[in-house]
Amino acid sequence: MTNQHPTVAPPRYVDREQVTEQELRDLGVDLEQDFPGATAADFRRYPVLSEGGWFIVVKHQPSLRSVSRERWELFGPIQLTSHGLDLS
């Protein structure tokens, strides 16, 4: 019998994009009032999967409080080979 080693899948990472102060203002966030002592550097935008499907969220990272949640693609980061295919 040969010595078999388990196959380890490569790690997956979620890019968490920085958010600007202007973007936070556009989302209705008043840093001084809503998150005293926080700066725009404390917020990130990234995809999440919840019971309602995939969403792109903006969250305050220290508290994980959401300030924005928008519905995203049905399969999130997975694109079907037929995505964008024009059959007409």
Protein backbone atom coordinates (compact mmCIF):
# COMPACT_ATOMS: atom_id res chain seq x y z
CA MET A 1 0.00 0.00 0.00
CA THR A 2 1.34 3.42 -0.92
CA ASN A 3 1.59 6.28 1.52
CA GLN A 4 -1.13 8.75 0.49
CA HIS A 5 -1.14 12.37 1.57
CA PRO A 6 -4.39 14.32 1.72
CA THR A 7 -4.86 16.94 -0.95
CA VAL A 8 -5.03 20.41 0.49
CA ALA A 9 -7.03 22.97 -1.43
CA PRO A 10 -5.36 26.36 -1.92
CA PRO A 11 -6.57 29.00 0.54
CA ARG A 12 -9.34 31.35 -0.56
CA TYR A 13 -9.26 35.03 0.25
CA VAL A 14 -11.92 37.71 0.09
CA ASP A 15 -10.69 41.09 -1.08
CA ARG A 16 -11.94 43.70 1.34
CA GLU A 17 -11.89 47.03 -0.49
CA GLN A 18 -11.24 50.28 1.31
CA VAL A 19 -14.06 52.82 1.48
CA THR A 20 -13.60 56.58 1.27
CA GLU A 21 -15.14 59.19 3.55
CA GLN A 22 -17.18 60.46 0.60
CA GLU A 23 -18.57 56.97 -0.06
CA LEU A 24 -19.56 56.71 3.61
CA ARG A 25 -21.28 60.12 3.45
CA ASP A 26 -23.12 58.98 0.29
CA LEU A 27 -24.33 55.96 2.29
CA GLY A 28 -25.68 58.29 4.97
CA VAL A 29 -22.93 57.61 7.53
CA ASP A 30 -21.91 60.47 9.81
CA LEU A 31 -18.62 59.23 11.26
CA GLU A 32 -18.63 61.60 14.25
CA GLN A 33 -22.20 60.75 15.22
CA ASP A 34 -22.58 57.11 14.14
CA PHE A 35 -19.05 55.81 14.84
CA PRO A 36 -17.28 58.20 17.26
CA GLY A 37 -13.50 57.96 16.90
CA ALA A 38 -13.69 55.89 13.69
CA THR A 39 -12.15 56.82 10.35
CA ALA A 40 -12.85 55.65 6.81
CA ALA A 41 -9.94 53.22 7.23
CA ASP A 42 -12.13 51.26 9.69
CA PHE A 43 -14.62 50.34 6.93
CA ARG A 44 -14.42 47.75 4.15
CA ARG A 45 -16.60 46.63 1.23
CA TYR A 46 -16.81 42.91 0.41
CA PRO A 47 -19.20 40.10 -0.60
CA VAL A 48 -21.06 38.00 1.97
CA LEU A 49 -23.40 35.04 1.68
CA SER A 50 -26.44 35.06 3.95
CA GLU A 51 -29.79 33.29 4.10
CA GLY A 52 -31.05 35.79 1.51
CA GLY A 53 -28.28 35.11 -1.02
CA TRP A 54 -25.13 37.03 -1.96
CA PHE A 55 -24.72 40.69 -0.99
CA ILE A 56 -22.04 43.34 -1.25
CA VAL A 57 -21.75 44.96 2.16
CA VAL A 58 -19.89 47.85 3.72
CA LYS A 59 -19.04 47.09 7.33
CA HIS A 60 -17.33 48.83 10.20
CA GLN A 61 -14.58 46.27 10.81
CA PRO A 62 -14.07 46.68 14.58
CA SER A 63 -17.78 46.11 15.31
CA LEU A 64 -18.81 44.31 12.06
CA ARG A 65 -21.85 46.60 11.95
CA SER A 66 -23.22 46.87 8.39
CA VAL A 67 -23.75 50.32 6.93
CA SER A 68 -24.73 49.12 3.45
CA ARG A 69 -26.06 45.87 2.01
CA GLU A 70 -26.86 45.51 -1.71
CA ARG A 71 -28.00 42.37 -3.48
CA TRP A 72 -25.23 40.89 -5.63
CA GLU A 73 -24.98 38.20 -8.31
CA LEU A 74 -27.10 35.06 -7.83
CA PHE A 75 -24.02 32.83 -7.48
CA GLY A 76 -21.75 35.46 -5.94
CA PRO A 77 -18.20 35.20 -7.28
CA ILE A 78 -19.00 32.12 -9.39
CA GLN A 79 -19.66 32.87 -13.06
CA LEU A 80 -21.37 30.25 -15.19
CA THR A 81 -19.84 29.65 -18.61
CA SER A 82 -23.14 30.84 -20.08
CA HIS A 83 -22.97 34.20 -18.24
CA GLY A 84 -23.31 37.00 -20.78
CA LEU A 85 -23.96 34.62 -23.65
CA ASP A 86 -26.25 36.13 -26.28
CA LEU A 87 -28.43 33.43 -27.81
CA SER A 88 -30.35 35.68 -30.21
